[in-house]
Protein backbone atom coordinates (compact mmCIF):
# COMPACT_ATOMS: atom_id res chain seq x y z
CA MET A 1 -24.32 32.17 -9.44
CA LEU A 2 -21.74 33.30 -12.09
CA PRO A 3 -20.35 37.02 -11.83
CA ALA A 4 -21.02 39.23 -14.80
CA GLN A 5 -17.68 39.31 -17.17
CA ALA A 6 -16.82 42.30 -19.31
CA PRO A 7 -15.81 41.00 -22.96
CA PHE A 8 -12.33 41.06 -23.86
CA PRO A 9 -9.92 42.89 -23.45
CA ALA A 10 -11.79 44.55 -20.63
CA ALA A 11 -11.89 41.28 -18.90
CA ARG A 12 -8.26 39.60 -18.93
CA PHE A 13 -8.49 36.39 -16.64
CA ARG A 14 -4.44 36.09 -16.78
CA ARG A 15 -4.28 39.53 -14.84
CA ALA A 16 -5.36 37.37 -11.96
CA ARG A 17 -2.50 35.06 -12.66
CA GLN A 18 0.42 36.99 -13.08
CA SER A 19 2.48 36.65 -9.83
CA ASP A 20 2.66 34.47 -6.60
CA ALA A 21 1.26 37.57 -4.82
CA ILE A 22 -1.75 38.14 -6.89
CA ARG A 23 -2.45 34.42 -7.29
CA SER A 24 -2.45 34.34 -3.57
CA LEU A 25 -4.91 37.13 -3.15
CA VAL A 26 -7.53 35.19 -5.29
CA ARG A 27 -7.03 31.77 -4.49
CA GLU A 28 -10.20 30.22 -3.48
CA ASN A 29 -9.34 27.22 -1.13
CA THR A 30 -6.11 26.96 1.20
CA LEU A 31 -4.44 23.91 2.50
CA THR A 32 -2.84 23.68 5.89
CA PRO A 33 -1.67 20.94 8.40
CA ALA A 34 -4.90 21.65 10.43
CA ASP A 35 -6.93 20.03 7.44
CA PHE A 36 -5.07 16.49 8.00
CA ILE A 37 -5.98 13.45 10.29
CA TRP A 38 -2.88 11.08 9.58
CA PRO A 39 -3.47 7.50 9.59
CA VAL A 40 -0.90 5.27 11.70
CA PHE A 41 -0.27 1.84 11.95
CA VAL A 42 0.26 0.07 15.31
CA ARG A 43 2.07 -3.32 16.12
CA ASP A 44 3.16 -4.99 19.18
CA GLY A 45 6.75 -4.78 20.96
CA GLU A 46 8.73 -1.86 22.14
CA GLY A 47 11.05 0.40 20.31
CA MET A 48 9.83 -1.00 16.56
CA GLU A 49 9.32 0.67 13.32
CA GLU A 50 8.87 -1.49 10.43
CA PRO A 51 8.23 -0.64 6.74
CA VAL A 52 5.15 -1.60 5.11
CA PRO A 53 6.57 -2.65 1.51
CA SER A 54 3.67 -1.63 -0.58
CA MET A 55 3.39 1.79 1.06
CA PRO A 56 6.76 3.30 0.69
CA GLY A 57 7.60 5.81 3.72
CA VAL A 58 4.85 4.26 5.94
CA LEU A 59 5.78 2.35 8.94
CA ARG A 60 4.28 0.11 11.51
CA ARG A 61 5.08 1.33 14.85
CA SER A 62 5.13 0.02 18.54
CA VAL A 63 2.92 1.79 21.04
CA ASP A 64 5.85 3.73 22.31
CA ARG A 65 6.95 4.84 18.96
CA VAL A 66 3.26 6.04 17.84
CA ALA A 67 3.43 8.09 20.78
CA ASP A 68 6.50 9.73 19.84
CA ALA A 69 5.36 10.25 16.32
CA ALA A 70 1.97 11.75 17.15
CA ARG A 71 4.05 14.19 19.56
CA ASP A 72 5.99 15.43 16.43
CA ALA A 73 2.96 15.56 14.19
CA TYR A 74 1.13 17.70 16.86
CA ALA A 75 4.20 19.94 16.96
CA MET A 76 3.58 20.45 12.92
CA GLY A 77 0.02 21.27 13.39
CA ILE A 78 -1.68 18.00 12.49
CA PRO A 79 -4.57 17.94 14.87
CA ALA A 80 -5.49 14.26 15.03
CA ILE A 81 -4.29 10.55 14.33
CA CYS A 82 -5.97 7.75 13.71
CA LEU A 83 -5.22 4.19 14.83
CA PHE A 84 -4.92 1.03 12.84
CA PRO A 85 -3.53 -1.95 14.55
CA TYR A 86 -1.50 -4.85 13.15
CA THR A 87 -2.75 -7.61 15.24
CA ASP A 88 -1.11 -10.79 15.82
CA PRO A 89 -2.55 -13.66 14.05
CA SER A 90 -2.77 -15.90 17.05
CA LEU A 91 -5.21 -13.22 18.42
CA LYS A 92 -7.78 -13.39 15.31
CA THR A 93 -10.62 -15.04 16.14
CA ALA A 94 -14.17 -16.27 14.73
CA ASP A 95 -15.69 -14.22 17.99
CA CYS A 96 -13.34 -11.31 17.20
CA ALA A 97 -12.86 -10.96 21.37
CA GLU A 98 -9.79 -8.84 20.91
CA ALA A 99 -11.61 -5.91 19.04
CA TRP A 100 -13.02 -4.89 22.89
CA ASN A 101 -9.95 -6.03 24.93
CA PRO A 102 -9.12 -2.94 26.90
CA ASP A 103 -5.47 -3.53 26.41
CA ASN A 104 -5.64 -4.52 22.89
CA LEU A 105 -3.06 -2.52 20.71
CA SER A 106 -5.60 0.29 19.66
CA ASN A 107 -6.47 1.16 23.11
CA ARG A 108 -2.83 0.93 24.76
CA ALA A 109 -1.86 3.29 21.79
CA THR A 110 -4.75 5.62 22.59
CA ARG A 111 -3.59 6.03 26.32
CA ALA A 112 -0.09 6.41 25.30
CA ILE A 113 -1.07 9.44 22.87
CA LYS A 114 -3.36 11.17 25.17
CA ASP A 115 -0.57 11.03 28.01
CA ALA A 116 2.29 12.09 25.73
CA VAL A 117 0.09 14.85 23.68
CA PRO A 118 -3.17 15.39 25.32
CA GLY A 119 -4.27 18.14 23.29
CA MET A 120 -4.20 15.62 20.15
CA ALA A 121 -7.42 14.40 18.96
CA VAL A 122 -7.40 10.16 18.56
CA MET A 123 -9.81 8.56 16.30
CA THR A 124 -10.22 4.93 16.36
CA ASP A 125 -11.52 2.39 13.78
CA VAL A 126 -14.51 0.54 14.23
CA ALA A 127 -14.72 -2.61 12.38
CA LEU A 128 -14.07 -6.61 12.84
CA ASP A 129 -11.35 -7.04 10.14
CA PRO A 130 -8.12 -6.86 12.33
CA TYR A 131 -9.52 -9.47 14.67
CA ASN A 132 -11.50 -11.54 12.38
CA ILE A 133 -9.82 -14.89 11.28
CA ASP A 134 -12.09 -14.65 8.04
CA GLY A 135 -10.73 -11.05 7.61
CA HIS A 136 -14.26 -9.49 7.05
CA ASP A 137 -15.59 -6.57 8.82
CA GLY A 138 -18.37 -8.58 10.28
CA PHE A 139 -18.98 -12.05 11.86
CA VAL A 140 -19.57 -14.55 8.88
CA GLU A 141 -22.14 -17.37 9.40
CA ASN A 142 -22.48 -20.03 6.65
CA GLY A 143 -20.73 -17.59 4.13
CA GLU A 144 -23.09 -14.51 4.86
CA ILE A 145 -21.64 -11.56 6.43
CA VAL A 146 -24.52 -10.98 9.21
CA ASN A 147 -25.38 -7.73 10.24
CA ASP A 148 -27.10 -7.39 13.64
CA ARG A 149 -24.73 -9.57 15.30
CA THR A 150 -21.93 -7.69 14.14
CA VAL A 151 -23.59 -4.22 15.33
CA GLU A 152 -23.72 -5.72 18.55
CA ALA A 153 -19.94 -6.63 18.72
CA LEU A 154 -19.36 -3.09 17.15
CA VAL A 155 -20.91 -1.33 20.28
CA LYS A 156 -18.68 -3.22 22.78
CA GLN A 157 -15.40 -2.44 20.58
CA ALA A 158 -16.50 1.34 20.21
CA LEU A 159 -17.21 1.55 24.25
CA SER A 160 -13.91 -0.16 24.61
CA GLN A 161 -11.98 2.61 22.65
CA ALA A 162 -14.12 5.70 24.16
CA ASP A 163 -13.12 4.10 27.47
CA ALA A 164 -9.50 4.20 26.63
CA GLY A 165 -9.78 8.12 25.64
CA ALA A 166 -10.46 8.15 21.90
CA ASP A 167 -12.09 11.22 20.95
CA ILE A 168 -13.27 10.13 17.43
CA ILE A 169 -14.93 6.81 16.73
CA GLY A 170 -14.66 5.88 13.18
CA PRO A 171 -17.09 3.02 12.19
CA SER A 172 -15.84 1.59 8.70
CA ASP A 173 -17.54 -1.52 8.76
CA MET A 174 -20.77 -0.38 6.27
CA MET A 175 -23.19 -2.59 8.61
CA ASP A 176 -26.80 -1.32 8.34
CA GLY A 177 -27.85 0.70 11.67
CA ARG A 178 -24.34 0.83 13.60
CA ILE A 179 -24.44 4.73 13.76
CA GLY A 180 -27.71 4.56 15.88
CA ALA A 181 -26.87 1.71 17.79
CA LEU A 182 -23.07 3.31 18.79
CA ARG A 183 -24.59 6.87 19.36
CA GLN A 184 -27.27 5.28 21.80
CA ALA A 185 -24.77 3.08 23.51
CA LEU A 186 -22.18 6.33 23.87
CA GLU A 187 -24.82 8.25 25.47
CA ALA A 188 -25.86 5.60 27.75
CA ALA A 189 -22.25 5.05 28.87
CA GLY A 190 -21.67 8.63 29.61
CA HIS A 191 -19.48 9.21 26.33
CA ASN A 192 -21.65 11.96 25.34
CA ASN A 193 -18.76 14.29 23.86
CA VAL A 194 -17.34 11.35 21.95
CA MET A 195 -17.85 11.91 18.27
CA LEU A 196 -18.73 9.68 15.63
CA LEU A 197 -17.24 10.06 12.08
CA SER A 198 -19.18 7.85 9.96
CA TYR A 199 -17.47 5.96 6.89
CA ALA A 200 -21.06 6.60 5.43
CA ALA A 201 -19.94 5.95 1.84
CA LYS A 202 -17.37 3.21 1.83
CA TYR A 203 -17.10 1.70 -1.65
CA ALA A 204 -16.00 -1.88 -2.27
CA SER A 205 -12.99 -0.69 -3.86
CA ALA A 206 -9.44 -2.21 -5.57
CA PHE A 207 -7.40 0.75 -3.83
CA TYR A 208 -7.46 -0.75 -0.05
CA GLY A 209 -4.73 -3.63 -1.28
CA PRO A 210 -1.62 -2.21 0.31
CA PHE A 211 -3.87 -1.14 3.43
CA ARG A 212 -4.73 -4.87 3.86
CA ASP A 213 -0.99 -5.54 3.83
CA ALA A 214 -0.26 -3.01 6.64
CA VAL A 215 -2.83 -4.35 9.06
CA GLY A 216 -2.01 -8.07 7.89
CA ALA A 217 -5.61 -9.04 6.66
CA SER A 218 -4.80 -9.67 3.25
CA GLY A 219 -4.02 -13.54 3.78
CA ALA A 220 -7.01 -13.71 6.10
CA LEU A 221 -9.77 -12.28 3.92
CA LYS A 222 -12.07 -14.95 2.44
CA GLY A 223 -14.01 -13.73 -0.74
CA ASP A 224 -14.67 -9.94 -0.92
CA LYS A 225 -16.66 -7.39 0.70
CA LYS A 226 -19.08 -6.44 -1.99
CA SER A 227 -22.36 -7.57 -0.14
CA TYR A 228 -21.75 -4.61 2.71
CA GLN A 229 -19.45 -2.03 0.68
CA MET A 230 -20.94 0.11 -1.89
CA ASP A 231 -20.92 -0.44 -5.64
CA PRO A 232 -18.66 1.93 -7.16
CA ALA A 233 -21.23 2.49 -10.00
CA ASN A 234 -23.35 4.10 -7.62
CA SER A 235 -23.93 7.76 -6.54
CA ASP A 236 -27.22 8.45 -5.23
CA GLU A 237 -26.87 5.77 -2.71
CA ALA A 238 -24.25 7.68 -1.18
CA LEU A 239 -26.60 10.39 -0.60
CA ARG A 240 -28.94 7.92 1.10
CA LEU A 241 -26.37 6.46 3.48
CA VAL A 242 -25.07 9.70 4.30
CA ALA A 243 -28.62 10.92 5.05
CA ARG A 244 -29.12 8.09 7.41
CA ASP A 245 -26.05 8.36 9.08
CA LEU A 246 -26.29 12.00 9.96
CA ASN A 247 -30.17 11.17 11.03
CA GLU A 248 -28.77 8.49 13.19
CA GLY A 249 -26.36 10.65 14.97
CA ALA A 250 -23.13 10.83 13.23
CA ASP A 251 -20.99 14.23 13.61
CA MET A 252 -19.17 13.79 10.57
CA VAL A 253 -19.16 11.67 7.39
CA MET A 254 -16.44 10.29 5.13
CA ILE A 255 -16.29 9.12 1.65
CA LYS A 256 -13.59 6.28 0.98
CA PRO A 257 -11.77 6.14 -1.28
CA GLY A 258 -10.85 9.56 -2.30
CA MET A 259 -9.61 10.71 -5.42
CA PRO A 260 -11.71 8.42 -7.40
CA TYR A 261 -14.99 9.72 -5.83
CA LEU A 262 -14.30 13.50 -5.78
CA ASP A 263 -17.64 13.83 -7.22
CA ILE A 264 -19.20 12.13 -4.31
CA CYS A 265 -17.65 14.29 -1.87
CA GLN A 266 -18.84 17.40 -3.89
CA ARG A 267 -22.29 15.94 -3.92
CA VAL A 268 -22.53 15.31 0.03
CA LYS A 269 -20.96 18.61 0.88
CA ALA A 270 -23.40 20.43 -1.18
CA ARG A 271 -26.51 18.55 -0.19
CA PHE A 272 -25.92 18.19 3.66
CA GLY A 273 -23.40 20.97 4.56
CA ALA A 274 -22.17 18.57 7.48
CA PRO A 275 -18.48 18.19 8.34
CA THR A 276 -17.09 15.98 5.18
CA PHE A 277 -14.06 14.24 4.97
CA ALA A 278 -12.32 12.15 2.75
CA TYR A 279 -9.85 9.06 2.75
CA GLN A 280 -6.75 9.03 0.56
CA VAL A 281 -6.46 5.37 0.75
CA SER A 282 -3.37 3.31 0.51
CA GLY A 283 -3.57 2.57 -3.14
CA GLU A 284 -3.68 6.17 -4.01
CA TYR A 285 -0.90 6.71 -1.89
CA ALA A 286 1.12 4.18 -3.23
CA MET A 287 0.63 4.89 -6.82
CA ILE A 288 1.61 8.60 -6.16
CA GLN A 289 4.79 7.14 -4.44
CA ALA A 290 5.62 4.69 -6.76
CA ALA A 291 5.57 7.37 -9.80
CA ALA A 292 7.60 9.65 -7.88
CA GLN A 293 10.34 7.12 -7.06
CA ASN A 294 10.40 5.99 -10.65
CA GLY A 295 10.78 10.02 -11.64
CA TRP A 296 7.83 9.80 -13.61
CA VAL A 297 6.06 12.46 -11.64
CA ASP A 298 6.98 15.57 -8.92
CA GLY A 299 6.13 13.79 -5.84
CA GLU A 300 5.82 16.81 -3.69
CA ARG A 301 3.79 18.85 -6.31
CA VAL A 302 1.47 15.74 -7.17
CA MET A 303 0.81 15.21 -3.50
CA LEU A 304 0.18 18.96 -2.61
CA GLU A 305 -2.13 18.89 -5.75
CA SER A 306 -4.05 15.97 -4.82
CA LEU A 307 -4.69 17.16 -1.34
CA MET A 308 -6.01 20.64 -2.80
CA GLY A 309 -8.43 18.55 -5.03
CA PHE A 310 -10.14 17.12 -1.67
CA LYS A 311 -10.78 20.93 -0.48
CA ARG A 312 -11.63 22.32 -3.66
CA ALA A 313 -14.09 19.29 -3.76
CA GLY A 314 -15.74 20.50 -0.62
CA CYS A 315 -14.04 18.30 2.15
CA ASP A 316 -13.29 19.76 5.32
CA GLY A 317 -10.55 17.71 5.89
CA VAL A 318 -8.68 14.46 4.72
CA LEU A 319 -7.08 11.33 6.04
CA THR A 320 -3.74 10.84 4.23
CA TYR A 321 -0.75 8.89 4.82
CA PHE A 322 1.07 12.06 3.55
CA ALA A 323 0.46 13.93 6.53
CA PRO A 324 3.54 14.71 8.01
CA GLU A 325 5.40 15.05 4.75
CA ALA A 326 2.59 17.61 3.44
CA ALA A 327 2.54 19.61 6.87
CA ARG A 328 6.44 19.92 6.61
CA ILE A 329 6.16 21.51 3.22
CA LEU A 330 3.28 23.79 4.04
CA ASN A 331 4.86 24.95 7.22
CA ALA A 332 8.32 25.82 5.18
């Protein structure tokens, strides 16, 4: 619906832009720290903080330091943290058994965060790539990433994470039927309050490179993920995938990557009205940081503008490595 407008000069659109006070009164979207889920990388050890070279400002943290970081983030108003493990290569196997080890890095970090900051929501990643010797999100048999056997493993992984105290399970694997299988298993195990934030529309994107560095998957990956992640040329398919995952029991849905797929975010929110999130992925983050460090853009302004773009596209929230920096600015 378009409002009726008087002709110029009765209507002067610049009247609504004349000062900070007026602009704030008519602003259509607002960005706050409560809009952020902060992705964090966990490594083994104690008292460890290790920079990720391809993601300036991002660290791999040991479990104790992750708990400290979660406490600081929660104090700034960030409501949720998402865990990604940097798994020791010796623990990466063809059967991916470390994925459902009750004492793996992700589960230890979940328990540490819930002990340190009970009110913070912990999100965990469900996919086999951090534990797979082949670097894929699913089992590889004769060169094929197999679906149904992988889903069985993902169920074991998710139950392990729920037992550790995860509030939100994030299936990022893109196997068919995994949302229904996960929801059924969680209900049967008494985890009826654990939420599923499905990576419903995850594209086979070139923007993931720095993330694979951060979790140590770059060298392990054999081939590509185009047989299970989405073709970047497709839009209608994303709507079908979101509809399927909501029908199977997803509480929230995710579009990944973020900025190159704002059209998908807008279509999903407009069509379904479900809680919709986007992941501002590692490549997006790294490009902004690189340009800012070279003095080519104003880093703070570009960061906040990019995050506002997600809200304008209809997202309820965004996974972003900028979460603590953006929260500090917004709180100030």
